[in-house]
Amino acid sequence: MPHLHLETTSDVAENQDVQDILDRLVAKLATFETIASASIKGYHSLRSAWSMGADAPEGFVHLTVQILTGRPDELRVKIADGMFEELKACFPMSVESGEASLTLELREMDKLTYRK
């Protein structure tokens, strides 16, 4: 049920390690209460065409974390903060060089309409 969708531009240095990065992100998400490790799905999309605004870094790394509705705000913030720290740790060259922006969004999937 929880989904981790990692998107990176093709110029990100760490793309060569994307499988290890996905494994790390899945492992990190599994450390939070109410998240069952066996239900996590992590995947990657490589962007070969993109455009950034003036003075923005050349590329980007974006992680969308999707979880079912019903968790308290405090836990959702804890998950978002923890996952963002792990994301930064997975992309040290991009963070240090400033060549890619790192962003994360935690989204909720509606329990009423989500199917598995």
PDB file of N, CA and C in Angstrom:
ATOM      1  N   MET A   1       0.796  -1.189   0.000  1.00  0.00           N
ATOM      2  CA  MET A   1       0.000   0.000   0.000  1.00  0.00           C
ATOM      3  C   MET A   1       0.844   1.260   0.000  1.00  0.00           C
ATOM      4  N   PRO A   2       1.740   1.528   0.939  1.00  0.00           N
ATOM      5  CA  PRO A   2       2.505   2.759   0.753  1.00  0.00           C
ATOM      6  C   PRO A   2       3.308   2.688  -0.545  1.00  0.00           C
ATOM      7  N   HIS A   3       3.350   3.806  -1.244  1.00  0.00           N
ATOM      8  CA  HIS A   3       4.116   3.895  -2.481  1.00  0.00           C
ATOM      9  C   HIS A   3       5.196   4.952  -2.316  1.00  0.00           C
ATOM     10  N   LEU A   4       6.366   4.663  -2.854  1.00  0.00           N
ATOM     11  CA  LEU A   4       7.466   5.610  -2.933  1.00  0.00           C
ATOM     12  C   LEU A   4       7.786   5.779  -4.407  1.00  0.00           C
ATOM     13  N   HIS A   5       7.510   6.945  -4.945  1.00  0.00           N
ATOM     14  CA  HIS A   5       7.806   7.224  -6.347  1.00  0.00           C
ATOM     15  C   HIS A   5       8.939   8.229  -6.402  1.00  0.00           C
ATOM     16  N   LEU A   6      10.102   7.740  -6.780  1.00  0.00           N
ATOM     17  CA  LEU A   6      11.295   8.566  -6.891  1.00  0.00           C
ATOM     18  C   LEU A   6      11.448   9.009  -8.339  1.00  0.00           C
ATOM     19  N   GLU A   7      11.567  10.310  -8.537  1.00  0.00           N
ATOM     20  CA  GLU A   7      11.784  10.863  -9.871  1.00  0.00           C
ATOM     21  C   GLU A   7      13.103  11.624  -9.868  1.00  0.00           C
ATOM     22  N   THR A   8      13.934  11.359 -10.879  1.00  0.00           N
ATOM     23  CA  THR A   8      15.195  12.083 -11.005  1.00  0.00           C
ATOM     24  C   THR A   8      15.406  12.488 -12.455  1.00  0.00           C
ATOM     25  N   THR A   9      16.114  13.597 -12.636  1.00  0.00           N
ATOM     26  CA  THR A   9      16.508  13.984 -13.981  1.00  0.00           C
ATOM     27  C   THR A   9      17.754  13.193 -14.367  1.00  0.00           C
ATOM     28  N   SER A  10      17.947  13.026 -15.655  1.00  0.00           N
ATOM     29  CA  SER A  10      19.018  12.150 -16.122  1.00  0.00           C
ATOM     30  C   SER A  10      20.419  12.657 -15.810  1.00  0.00           C
ATOM     31  N   ASP A  11      20.558  13.902 -15.374  1.00  0.00           N
ATOM     32  CA  ASP A  11      21.874  14.451 -15.055  1.00  0.00           C
ATOM     33  C   ASP A  11      22.292  14.253 -13.603  1.00  0.00           C
ATOM     34  N   VAL A  12      21.462  13.602 -12.803  1.00  0.00           N
ATOM     35  CA  VAL A  12      21.775  13.398 -11.386  1.00  0.00           C
ATOM     36  C   VAL A  12      22.844  12.311 -11.253  1.00  0.00           C
ATOM     37  N   ALA A  13      23.931  12.654 -10.586  1.00  0.00           N
ATOM     38  CA  ALA A  13      25.088  11.757 -10.471  1.00  0.00           C
ATOM     39  C   ALA A  13      24.735  10.416  -9.831  1.00  0.00           C
ATOM     40  N   GLU A  14      23.838  10.427  -8.867  1.00  0.00           N
ATOM     41  CA  GLU A  14      23.521   9.203  -8.119  1.00  0.00           C
ATOM     42  C   GLU A  14      22.589   8.246  -8.865  1.00  0.00           C
ATOM     43  N   ASN A  15      22.181   8.573 -10.070  1.00  0.00           N
ATOM     44  CA  ASN A  15      21.284   7.678 -10.821  1.00  0.00           C
ATOM     45  C   ASN A  15      21.855   6.273 -10.971  1.00  0.00           C
ATOM     46  N   GLN A  16      23.157   6.163 -11.011  1.00  0.00           N
ATOM     47  CA  GLN A  16      23.784   4.843 -11.144  1.00  0.00           C
ATOM     48  C   GLN A  16      23.488   3.943  -9.940  1.00  0.00           C
ATOM     49  N   ASP A  17      23.099   4.541  -8.822  1.00  0.00           N
ATOM     50  CA  ASP A  17      22.842   3.792  -7.593  1.00  0.00           C
ATOM     51  C   ASP A  17      21.349   3.715  -7.253  1.00  0.00           C
ATOM     52  N   VAL A  18      20.498   3.904  -8.253  1.00  0.00           N
ATOM     53  CA  VAL A  18      19.069   4.056  -7.968  1.00  0.00           C
ATOM     54  C   VAL A  18      18.469   2.826  -7.278  1.00  0.00           C
ATOM     55  N   GLN A  19      18.899   1.621  -7.597  1.00  0.00           N
ATOM     56  CA  GLN A  19      18.326   0.444  -6.930  1.00  0.00           C
ATOM     57  C   GLN A  19      18.675   0.439  -5.442  1.00  0.00           C
ATOM     58  N   ASP A  20      19.909   0.748  -5.119  1.00  0.00           N
ATOM     59  CA  ASP A  20      20.308   0.836  -3.713  1.00  0.00           C
ATOM     60  C   ASP A  20      19.559   1.958  -2.994  1.00  0.00           C
ATOM     61  N   ILE A  21      19.357   3.063  -3.682  1.00  0.00           N
ATOM     62  CA  ILE A  21      18.623   4.189  -3.101  1.00  0.00           C
ATOM     63  C   ILE A  21      17.182   3.789  -2.813  1.00  0.00           C
ATOM     64  N   LEU A  22      16.538   3.118  -3.765  1.00  0.00           N
ATOM     65  CA  LEU A  22      15.164   2.653  -3.527  1.00  0.00           C
ATOM     66  C   LEU A  22      15.114   1.709  -2.331  1.00  0.00           C
ATOM     67  N   ASP A  23      16.081   0.802  -2.243  1.00  0.00           N
ATOM     68  CA  ASP A  23      16.130  -0.124  -1.111  1.00  0.00           C
ATOM     69  C   ASP A  23      16.249   0.625   0.212  1.00  0.00           C
ATOM     70  N   ARG A  24      17.078   1.652   0.240  1.00  0.00           N
ATOM     71  CA  ARG A  24      17.248   2.466   1.461  1.00  0.00           C
ATOM     72  C   ARG A  24      15.955   3.201   1.823  1.00  0.00           C
ATOM     73  N   LEU A  25      15.294   3.767   0.822  1.00  0.00           N
ATOM     74  CA  LEU A  25      14.059   4.504   1.075  1.00  0.00           C
ATOM     75  C   LEU A  25      12.949   3.586   1.575  1.00  0.00           C
ATOM     76  N   VAL A  26      12.843   2.410   0.984  1.00  0.00           N
ATOM     77  CA  VAL A  26      11.847   1.427   1.436  1.00  0.00           C
ATOM     78  C   VAL A  26      12.150   1.022   2.876  1.00  0.00           C
ATOM     79  N   ALA A  27      13.408   0.736   3.167  1.00  0.00           N
ATOM     80  CA  ALA A  27      13.797   0.341   4.535  1.00  0.00           C
ATOM     81  C   ALA A  27      13.485   1.448   5.532  1.00  0.00           C
ATOM     82  N   LYS A  28      13.733   2.694   5.156  1.00  0.00           N
ATOM     83  CA  LYS A  28      13.456   3.813   6.057  1.00  0.00           C
ATOM     84  C   LYS A  28      11.961   3.945   6.316  1.00  0.00           C
ATOM     85  N   LEU A  29      11.149   3.868   5.271  1.00  0.00           N
ATOM     86  CA  LEU A  29       9.704   3.993   5.457  1.00  0.00           C
ATOM     87  C   LEU A  29       9.177   2.894   6.381  1.00  0.00           C
ATOM     88  N   ALA A  30       9.763   1.721   6.303  1.00  0.00           N
ATOM     89  CA  ALA A  30       9.321   0.589   7.128  1.00  0.00           C
ATOM     90  C   ALA A  30       9.601   0.801   8.617  1.00  0.00           C
ATOM     91  N   THR A  31      10.427   1.778   8.961  1.00  0.00           N
ATOM     92  CA  THR A  31      10.744   2.021  10.376  1.00  0.00           C
ATOM     93  C   THR A  31       9.661   2.810  11.107  1.00  0.00           C
ATOM     94  N   PHE A  32       8.724   3.378  10.374  1.00  0.00           N
ATOM     95  CA  PHE A  32       7.693   4.195  11.008  1.00  0.00           C
ATOM     96  C   PHE A  32       6.510   3.346  11.452  1.00  0.00           C
ATOM     97  N   GLU A  33       5.955   3.707  12.609  1.00  0.00           N
ATOM     98  CA  GLU A  33       4.809   2.960  13.130  1.00  0.00           C
ATOM     99  C   GLU A  33       3.666   2.987  12.129  1.00  0.00           C
ATOM    100  N   THR A  34       2.929   1.924  12.094  1.00  0.00           N
ATOM    101  CA  THR A  34       1.768   1.669  11.229  1.00  0.00           C
ATOM    102  C   THR A  34       2.134   1.354   9.785  1.00  0.00           C
ATOM    103  N   ILE A  35       3.420   1.306   9.457  1.00  0.00           N
ATOM    104  CA  ILE A  35       3.838   0.983   8.083  1.00  0.00           C
ATOM    105  C   ILE A  35       4.363  -0.449   8.063  1.00  0.00           C
ATOM    106  N   ALA A  36       3.699  -1.301   7.296  1.00  0.00           N
ATOM    107  CA  ALA A  36       4.127  -2.700   7.159  1.00  0.00           C
ATOM    108  C   ALA A  36       5.112  -2.812   6.002  1.00  0.00           C
ATOM    109  N   SER A  37       6.290  -3.311   6.278  1.00  0.00           N
ATOM    110  CA  SER A  37       7.345  -3.406   5.278  1.00  0.00           C
ATOM    111  C   SER A  37       6.885  -4.148   4.022  1.00  0.00           C
ATOM    112  N   ALA A  38       6.163  -5.241   4.198  1.00  0.00           N
ATOM    113  CA  ALA A  38       5.745  -6.062   3.053  1.00  0.00           C
ATOM    114  C   ALA A  38       4.793  -5.339   2.109  1.00  0.00           C
ATOM    115  N   SER A  39       4.189  -4.264   2.561  1.00  0.00           N
ATOM    116  CA  SER A  39       3.210  -3.571   1.720  1.00  0.00           C
ATOM    117  C   SER A  39       3.798  -2.386   0.944  1.00  0.00           C
ATOM    118  N   ILE A  40       5.069  -2.071   1.154  1.00  0.00           N
ATOM    119  CA  ILE A  40       5.682  -0.900   0.508  1.00  0.00           C
ATOM    120  C   ILE A  40       6.094  -1.231  -0.921  1.00  0.00           C
ATOM    121  N   LYS A  41       5.802  -0.294  -1.817  1.00  0.00           N
ATOM    122  CA  LYS A  41       6.208  -0.415  -3.214  1.00  0.00           C
ATOM    123  C   LYS A  41       7.052   0.802  -3.563  1.00  0.00           C
ATOM    124  N   GLY A  42       8.286   0.577  -3.982  1.00  0.00           N
ATOM    125  CA  GLY A  42       9.165   1.664  -4.367  1.00  0.00           C
ATOM    126  C   GLY A  42       9.521   1.552  -5.837  1.00  0.00           C
ATOM    127  N   TYR A  43       9.492   2.669  -6.555  1.00  0.00           N
ATOM    128  CA  TYR A  43       9.823   2.660  -7.974  1.00  0.00           C
ATOM    129  C   TYR A  43      10.410   3.999  -8.379  1.00  0.00           C
ATOM    130  N   HIS A  44      11.039   4.000  -9.548  1.00  0.00           N
ATOM    131  CA  HIS A  44      11.804   5.155 -10.024  1.00  0.00           C
ATOM    132  C   HIS A  44      11.381   5.528 -11.440  1.00  0.00           C
ATOM    133  N   SER A  45      11.317   6.811 -11.699  1.00  0.00           N
ATOM    134  CA  SER A  45      11.107   7.329 -13.054  1.00  0.00           C
ATOM    135  C   SER A  45      12.259   8.273 -13.378  1.00  0.00           C
ATOM    136  N   LEU A  46      12.905   8.007 -14.500  1.00  0.00           N
ATOM    137  CA  LEU A  46      13.998   8.842 -14.966  1.00  0.00           C
ATOM    138  C   LEU A  46      13.446   9.848 -15.967  1.00  0.00           C
ATOM    139  N   ARG A  47      13.675  11.120 -15.713  1.00  0.00           N
ATOM    140  CA  ARG A  47      13.192  12.184 -16.593  1.00  0.00           C
ATOM    141  C   ARG A  47      14.309  12.587 -17.555  1.00  0.00           C
ATOM    142  N   SER A  48      14.065  12.398 -18.845  1.00  0.00           N
ATOM    143  CA  SER A  48      15.069  12.762 -19.847  1.00  0.00           C
ATOM    144  C   SER A  48      14.790  14.126 -20.465  1.00  0.00           C
ATOM    145  N   ALA A  49      13.609  14.664 -20.234  1.00  0.00           N
ATOM    146  CA  ALA A  49      13.269  16.008 -20.711  1.00  0.00           C
ATOM    147  C   ALA A  49      12.607  16.754 -19.558  1.00  0.00           C
ATOM    148  N   TRP A  50      13.112  17.944 -19.254  1.00  0.00           N
ATOM    149  CA  TRP A  50      12.569  18.751 -18.173  1.00  0.00           C
ATOM    150  C   TRP A  50      12.998  20.199 -18.377  1.00  0.00           C
ATOM    151  N   SER A  51      12.386  21.073 -17.658  1.00  0.00           N
ATOM    152  CA  SER A  51      12.730  22.486 -17.720  1.00  0.00           C
ATOM    153  C   SER A  51      12.669  23.055 -16.312  1.00  0.00           C
ATOM    154  N   MET A  52      13.628  23.888 -15.995  1.00  0.00           N
ATOM    155  CA  MET A  52      13.691  24.511 -14.676  1.00  0.00           C
ATOM    156  C   MET A  52      13.626  26.029 -14.854  1.00  0.00           C
ATOM    157  N   GLY A  53      13.128  26.717 -13.852  1.00  0.00           N
ATOM    158  CA  GLY A  53      13.042  28.165 -13.892  1.00  0.00           C
ATOM    159  C   GLY A  53      14.414  28.823 -13.805  1.00  0.00           C
ATOM    160  N   ALA A  54      14.434  30.109 -14.097  1.00  0.00           N
ATOM    161  CA  ALA A  54      15.678  30.876 -14.062  1.00  0.00           C
ATOM    162  C   ALA A  54      16.345  30.763 -12.696  1.00  0.00           C
ATOM    163  N   ASP A  55      17.643  30.566 -12.694  1.00  0.00           N
ATOM    164  CA  ASP A  55      18.480  30.484 -11.496  1.00  0.00           C
ATOM    165  C   ASP A  55      18.226  29.230 -10.643  1.00  0.00           C
ATOM    166  N   ALA A  56      17.427  28.301 -11.131  1.00  0.00           N
ATOM    167  CA  ALA A  56      17.200  27.037 -10.417  1.00  0.00           C
ATOM    168  C   ALA A  56      18.360  26.088 -10.705  1.00  0.00           C
ATOM    169  N   PRO A  57      18.557  25.092  -9.838  1.00  0.00           N
ATOM    170  CA  PRO A  57      19.546  24.064 -10.164  1.00  0.00           C
ATOM    171  C   PRO A  57      19.204  23.413 -11.507  1.00  0.00           C
ATOM    172  N   GLU A  58      20.179  22.791 -12.114  1.00  0.00           N
ATOM    173  CA  GLU A  58      19.964  22.204 -13.441  1.00  0.00           C
ATOM    174  C   GLU A  58      19.004  21.023 -13.430  1.00  0.00           C
ATOM    175  N   GLY A  59      18.983  20.246 -12.371  1.00  0.00           N
ATOM    176  CA  GLY A  59      18.144  19.054 -12.325  1.00  0.00           C
ATOM    177  C   GLY A  59      17.378  18.958 -11.025  1.00  0.00           C
ATOM    178  N   PHE A  60      16.699  17.814 -10.847  1.00  0.00           N
ATOM    179  CA  PHE A  60      15.936  17.635  -9.612  1.00  0.00           C
ATOM    180  C   PHE A  60      15.833  16.177  -9.209  1.00  0.00           C
ATOM    181  N   VAL A  61      15.550  16.012  -7.938  1.00  0.00           N
ATOM    182  CA  VAL A  61      15.207  14.734  -7.327  1.00  0.00           C
ATOM    183  C   VAL A  61      13.913  14.997  -6.571  1.00  0.00           C
ATOM    184  N   HIS A  62      12.877  14.220  -6.858  1.00  0.00           N
ATOM    185  CA  HIS A  62      11.608  14.394  -6.155  1.00  0.00           C
ATOM    186  C   HIS A  62      11.106  13.032  -5.691  1.00  0.00           C
ATOM    187  N   LEU A  63      10.703  12.966  -4.434  1.00  0.00           N
ATOM    188  CA  LEU A  63      10.137  11.742  -3.871  1.00  0.00           C
ATOM    189  C   LEU A  63       8.704  12.013  -3.445  1.00  0.00           C
ATOM    190  N   THR A  64       7.791  11.210  -3.979  1.00  0.00           N
ATOM    191  CA  THR A  64       6.406  11.258  -3.537  1.00  0.00           C
ATOM    192  C   THR A  64       6.173  10.045  -2.646  1.00  0.00           C
ATOM    193  N   VAL A  65       5.748  10.293  -1.424  1.00  0.00           N
ATOM    194  CA  VAL A  65       5.416   9.241  -0.463  1.00  0.00           C
ATOM    195  C   VAL A  65       3.899   9.207  -0.369  1.00  0.00           C
ATOM    196  N   GLN A  66       3.315   8.070  -0.680  1.00  0.00           N
ATOM    197  CA  GLN A  66       1.861   7.946  -0.633  1.00  0.00           C
ATOM    198  C   GLN A  66       1.478   6.912   0.432  1.00  0.00           C
ATOM    199  N   ILE A  67       0.620   7.338   1.347  1.00  0.00           N
ATOM    200  CA  ILE A  67       0.144   6.463   2.416  1.00  0.00           C
ATOM    201  C   ILE A  67      -1.372   6.585   2.507  1.00  0.00           C
ATOM    202  N   LEU A  68      -2.002   5.589   3.101  1.00  0.00           N
ATOM    203  CA  LEU A  68      -3.453   5.639   3.268  1.00  0.00           C
ATOM    204  C   LEU A  68      -3.844   6.695   4.294  1.00  0.00           C
ATOM    205  N   THR A  69      -5.026   7.246   4.128  1.00  0.00           N
ATOM    206  CA  THR A  69      -5.559   8.222   5.073  1.00  0.00           C
ATOM    207  C   THR A  69      -5.740   7.593   6.452  1.00  0.00           C
ATOM    208  N   GLY A  70      -5.838   8.461   7.451  1.00  0.00           N
ATOM    209  CA  GLY A  70      -6.162   7.993   8.789  1.00  0.00           C
ATOM    210  C   GLY A  70      -5.070   8.145   9.818  1.00  0.00           C
ATOM    211  N   ARG A  71      -3.858   8.472   9.382  1.00  0.00           N
ATOM    212  CA  ARG A  71      -2.777   8.648  10.349  1.00  0.00           C
ATOM    213  C   ARG A  71      -2.814  10.067  10.922  1.00  0.00           C
ATOM    214  N   PRO A  72      -2.438  10.212  12.186  1.00  0.00           N
ATOM    215  CA  PRO A  72      -2.446  11.551  12.797  1.00  0.00           C
ATOM    216  C   PRO A  72      -1.416  12.470  12.130  1.00  0.00           C
ATOM    217  N   ASP A  73      -1.696  13.771  12.214  1.00  0.00           N
ATOM    218  CA  ASP A  73      -0.805  14.775  11.619  1.00  0.00           C
ATOM    219  C   ASP A  73       0.627  14.611  12.113  1.00  0.00           C
ATOM    220  N   GLU A  74       0.800  14.376  13.403  1.00  0.00           N
ATOM    221  CA  GLU A  74       2.149  14.264  13.976  1.00  0.00           C
ATOM    222  C   GLU A  74       2.937  13.137  13.316  1.00  0.00           C
ATOM    223  N   LEU A  75       2.276  12.010  13.055  1.00  0.00           N
ATOM    224  CA  LEU A  75       2.962  10.888  12.416  1.00  0.00           C
ATOM    225  C   LEU A  75       3.270  11.215  10.963  1.00  0.00           C
ATOM    226  N   ARG A  76       2.358  11.871  10.274  1.00  0.00           N
ATOM    227  CA  ARG A  76       2.604  12.229   8.880  1.00  0.00           C
ATOM    228  C   ARG A  76       3.795  13.189   8.770  1.00  0.00           C
ATOM    229  N   VAL A  77       3.888  14.133   9.687  1.00  0.00           N
ATOM    230  CA  VAL A  77       5.029  15.061   9.696  1.00  0.00           C
ATOM    231  C   VAL A  77       6.314  14.292  10.003  1.00  0.00           C
ATOM    232  N   LYS A  78       6.252  13.380  10.946  1.00  0.00           N
ATOM    233  CA  LYS A  78       7.421  12.562  11.308  1.00  0.00           C
ATOM    234  C   LYS A  78       7.895  11.740  10.106  1.00  0.00           C
ATOM    235  N   ILE A  79       6.957  11.160   9.373  1.00  0.00           N
ATOM    236  CA  ILE A  79       7.303  10.379   8.178  1.00  0.00           C
ATOM    237  C   ILE A  79       7.929  11.296   7.125  1.00  0.00           C
ATOM    238  N   ALA A  80       7.303  12.436   6.860  1.00  0.00           N
ATOM    239  CA  ALA A  80       7.830  13.356   5.847  1.00  0.00           C
ATOM    240  C   ALA A  80       9.234  13.825   6.213  1.00  0.00           C
ATOM    241  N   ASP A  81       9.440  14.226   7.461  1.00  0.00           N
ATOM    242  CA  ASP A  81      10.758  14.695   7.897  1.00  0.00           C
ATOM    243  C   ASP A  81      11.802  13.587   7.814  1.00  0.00           C
ATOM    244  N   GLY A  82      11.455  12.411   8.289  1.00  0.00           N
ATOM    245  CA  GLY A  82      12.400  11.290   8.272  1.00  0.00           C
ATOM    246  C   GLY A  82      12.755  10.853   6.864  1.00  0.00           C
ATOM    247  N   MET A  83      11.770  10.818   5.988  1.00  0.00           N
ATOM    248  CA  MET A  83      12.022  10.422   4.603  1.00  0.00           C
ATOM    249  C   MET A  83      12.852  11.475   3.879  1.00  0.00           C
ATOM    250  N   PHE A  84      12.635  12.756   4.191  1.00  0.00           N
ATOM    251  CA  PHE A  84      13.421  13.810   3.549  1.00  0.00           C
ATOM    252  C   PHE A  84      14.878  13.745   3.992  1.00  0.00           C
ATOM    253  N   GLU A  85      15.108  13.456   5.260  1.00  0.00           N
ATOM    254  CA  GLU A  85      16.488  13.299   5.738  1.00  0.00           C
ATOM    255  C   GLU A  85      17.169  12.126   5.034  1.00  0.00           C
ATOM    256  N   GLU A  86      16.443  11.025   4.867  1.00  0.00           N
ATOM    257  CA  GLU A  86      17.018   9.865   4.166  1.00  0.00           C
ATOM    258  C   GLU A  86      17.266  10.196   2.699  1.00  0.00           C
ATOM    259  N   LEU A  87      16.356  10.931   2.077  1.00  0.00           N
ATOM    260  CA  LEU A  87      16.526  11.330   0.682  1.00  0.00           C
ATOM    261  C   LEU A  87      17.802  12.151   0.519  1.00  0.00           C
ATOM    262  N   LYS A  88      18.013  13.110   1.410  1.00  0.00           N
ATOM    263  CA  LYS A  88      19.236  13.928   1.353  1.00  0.00           C
ATOM    264  C   LYS A  88      20.476  13.049   1.523  1.00  0.00           C
ATOM    265  N   ALA A  89      20.409  12.078   2.410  1.00  0.00           N
ATOM    266  CA  ALA A  89      21.554  11.189   2.639  1.00  0.00           C
ATOM    267  C   ALA A  89      21.834  10.300   1.422  1.00  0.00           C
ATOM    268  N   CYS A  90      20.823  10.029   0.614  1.00  0.00           N
ATOM    269  CA  CYS A  90      20.978   9.189  -0.576  1.00  0.00           C
ATOM    270  C   CYS A  90      21.570   9.947  -1.764  1.00  0.00           C
ATOM    271  N   PHE A  91      21.548  11.265  -1.708  1.00  0.00           N
ATOM    272  CA  PHE A  91      22.010  12.080  -2.832  1.00  0.00           C
ATOM    273  C   PHE A  91      23.076  13.098  -2.390  1.00  0.00           C
ATOM    274  N   PRO A  92      24.167  12.622  -1.783  1.00  0.00           N
ATOM    275  CA  PRO A  92      25.157  13.558  -1.235  1.00  0.00           C
ATOM    276  C   PRO A  92      25.848  14.409  -2.294  1.00  0.00           C
ATOM    277  N   MET A  93      26.161  13.841  -3.449  1.00  0.00           N
ATOM    278  CA  MET A  93      26.853  14.620  -4.487  1.00  0.00           C
ATOM    279  C   MET A  93      25.950  15.733  -5.019  1.00  0.00           C
ATOM    280  N   SER A  94      24.687  15.409  -5.223  1.00  0.00           N
ATOM    281  CA  SER A  94      23.740  16.397  -5.746  1.00  0.00           C
ATOM    282  C   SER A  94      23.471  17.496  -4.730  1.00  0.00           C
ATOM    283  N   VAL A  95      23.397  17.129  -3.445  1.00  0.00           N
ATOM    284  CA  VAL A  95      23.174  18.120  -2.393  1.00  0.00           C
ATOM    285  C   VAL A  95      24.388  19.047  -2.274  1.00  0.00           C
ATOM    286  N   GLU A  96      25.589  18.447  -2.201  1.00  0.00           N
ATOM    287  CA  GLU A  96      26.809  19.239  -2.028  1.00  0.00           C
ATOM    288  C   GLU A  96      27.085  20.167  -3.201  1.00  0.00           C
ATOM    289  N   SER A  97      26.846  19.686  -4.408  1.00  0.00           N
ATOM    290  CA  SER A  97      27.159  20.486  -5.597  1.00  0.00           C
ATOM    291  C   SER A  97      26.079  21.521  -5.896  1.00  0.00           C
ATOM    292  N   GLY A  98      24.875  21.297  -5.388  1.00  0.00           N
ATOM    293  CA  GLY A  98      23.771  22.200  -5.689  1.00  0.00           C
ATOM    294  C   GLY A  98      23.253  22.042  -7.107  1.00  0.00           C
ATOM    295  N   GLU A  99      23.635  20.966  -7.781  1.00  0.00           N
ATOM    296  CA  GLU A  99      23.237  20.751  -9.171  1.00  0.00           C
ATOM    297  C   GLU A  99      21.824  20.216  -9.323  1.00  0.00           C
ATOM    298  N   ALA A 100      21.228  19.775  -8.233  1.00  0.00           N
ATOM    299  CA  ALA A 100      19.853  19.264  -8.303  1.00  0.00           C
ATOM    300  C   ALA A 100      19.103  19.705  -7.059  1.00  0.00           C
ATOM    301  N   SER A 101      17.855  20.083  -7.244  1.00  0.00           N
ATOM    302  CA  SER A 101      17.013  20.405  -6.091  1.00  0.00           C
ATOM    303  C   SER A 101      16.391  19.105  -5.586  1.00  0.00           C
ATOM    304  N   LEU A 102      16.233  18.993  -4.282  1.00  0.00           N
ATOM    305  CA  LEU A 102      15.602  17.828  -3.669  1.00  0.00           C
ATOM    306  C   LEU A 102      14.291  18.264  -3.042  1.00  0.00           C
ATOM    307  N   THR A 103      13.219  17.535  -3.379  1.00  0.00           N
ATOM    308  CA  THR A 103      11.910  17.828  -2.819  1.00  0.00           C
ATOM    309  C   THR A 103      11.199  16.535  -2.467  1.00  0.00           C
ATOM    310  N   LEU A 104      10.239  16.646  -1.560  1.00  0.00           N
ATOM    311  CA  LEU A 104       9.442  15.500  -1.129  1.00  0.00           C
ATOM    312  C   LEU A 104       8.018  15.976  -0.878  1.00  0.00           C
ATOM    313  N   GLU A 105       7.074  15.151  -1.268  1.00  0.00           N
ATOM    314  CA  GLU A 105       5.671  15.402  -0.942  1.00  0.00           C
ATOM    315  C   GLU A 105       5.080  14.130  -0.359  1.00  0.00           C
ATOM    316  N   LEU A 106       4.419  14.264   0.768  1.00  0.00           N
ATOM    317  CA  LEU A 106       3.686  13.145   1.340  1.00  0.00           C
ATOM    318  C   LEU A 106       2.217  13.344   0.969  1.00  0.00           C
ATOM    319  N   ARG A 107       1.660  12.358   0.297  1.00  0.00           N
ATOM    320  CA  ARG A 107       0.256  12.404  -0.124  1.00  0.00           C
ATOM    321  C   ARG A 107      -0.505  11.286   0.561  1.00  0.00           C
ATOM    322  N   GLU A 108      -1.773  11.534   0.760  1.00  0.00           N
ATOM    323  CA  GLU A 108      -2.634  10.503   1.327  1.00  0.00           C
ATOM    324  C   GLU A 108      -3.540   9.922   0.246  1.00  0.00           C
ATOM    325  N   MET A 109      -3.652   8.605   0.257  1.00  0.00           N
ATOM    326  CA  MET A 109      -4.570   7.887  -0.630  1.00  0.00           C
ATOM    327  C   MET A 109      -5.839   7.597   0.186  1.00  0.00           C
ATOM    328  N   ASP A 110      -6.965   7.852  -0.377  1.00  0.00           N
ATOM    329  CA  ASP A 110      -8.233   7.687   0.320  1.00  0.00           C
ATOM    330  C   ASP A 110      -8.532   6.207   0.563  1.00  0.00           C
ATOM    331  N   LYS A 111      -8.670   5.825   1.824  1.00  0.00           N
ATOM    332  CA  LYS A 111      -8.985   4.433   2.181  1.00  0.00           C
ATOM    333  C   LYS A 111     -10.285   3.961   1.530  1.00  0.00           C
ATOM    334  N   LEU A 112     -11.213   4.880   1.381  1.00  0.00           N
ATOM    335  CA  LEU A 112     -12.515   4.531   0.835  1.00  0.00           C
ATOM    336  C   LEU A 112     -12.428   4.068  -0.612  1.00  0.00           C
ATOM    337  N   THR A 113     -11.503   4.635  -1.379  1.00  0.00           N
ATOM    338  CA  THR A 113     -11.452   4.315  -2.809  1.00  0.00           C
ATOM    339  C   THR A 113     -10.187   3.592  -3.252  1.00  0.00           C
ATOM    340  N   TYR A 114      -9.193   3.421  -2.384  1.00  0.00           N
ATOM    341  CA  TYR A 114      -7.972   2.699  -2.758  1.00  0.00           C
ATOM    342  C   TYR A 114      -8.266   1.211  -2.801  1.00  0.00           C
ATOM    343  N   ARG A 115      -7.788   0.543  -3.823  1.00  0.00           N
ATOM    344  CA  ARG A 115      -7.987  -0.907  -3.991  1.00  0.00           C
ATOM    345  C   ARG A 115      -6.653  -1.597  -4.131  1.00  0.00           C
ATOM    346  N   LYS A 116      -6.591  -2.791  -3.561  1.00  0.00           N
ATOM    347  CA  LYS A 116      -5.398  -3.633  -3.758  1.00  0.00           C
ATOM    348  C   LYS A 116      -5.796  -5.080  -3.811  1.00  0.00           C
TER     349      LYS A 116
END
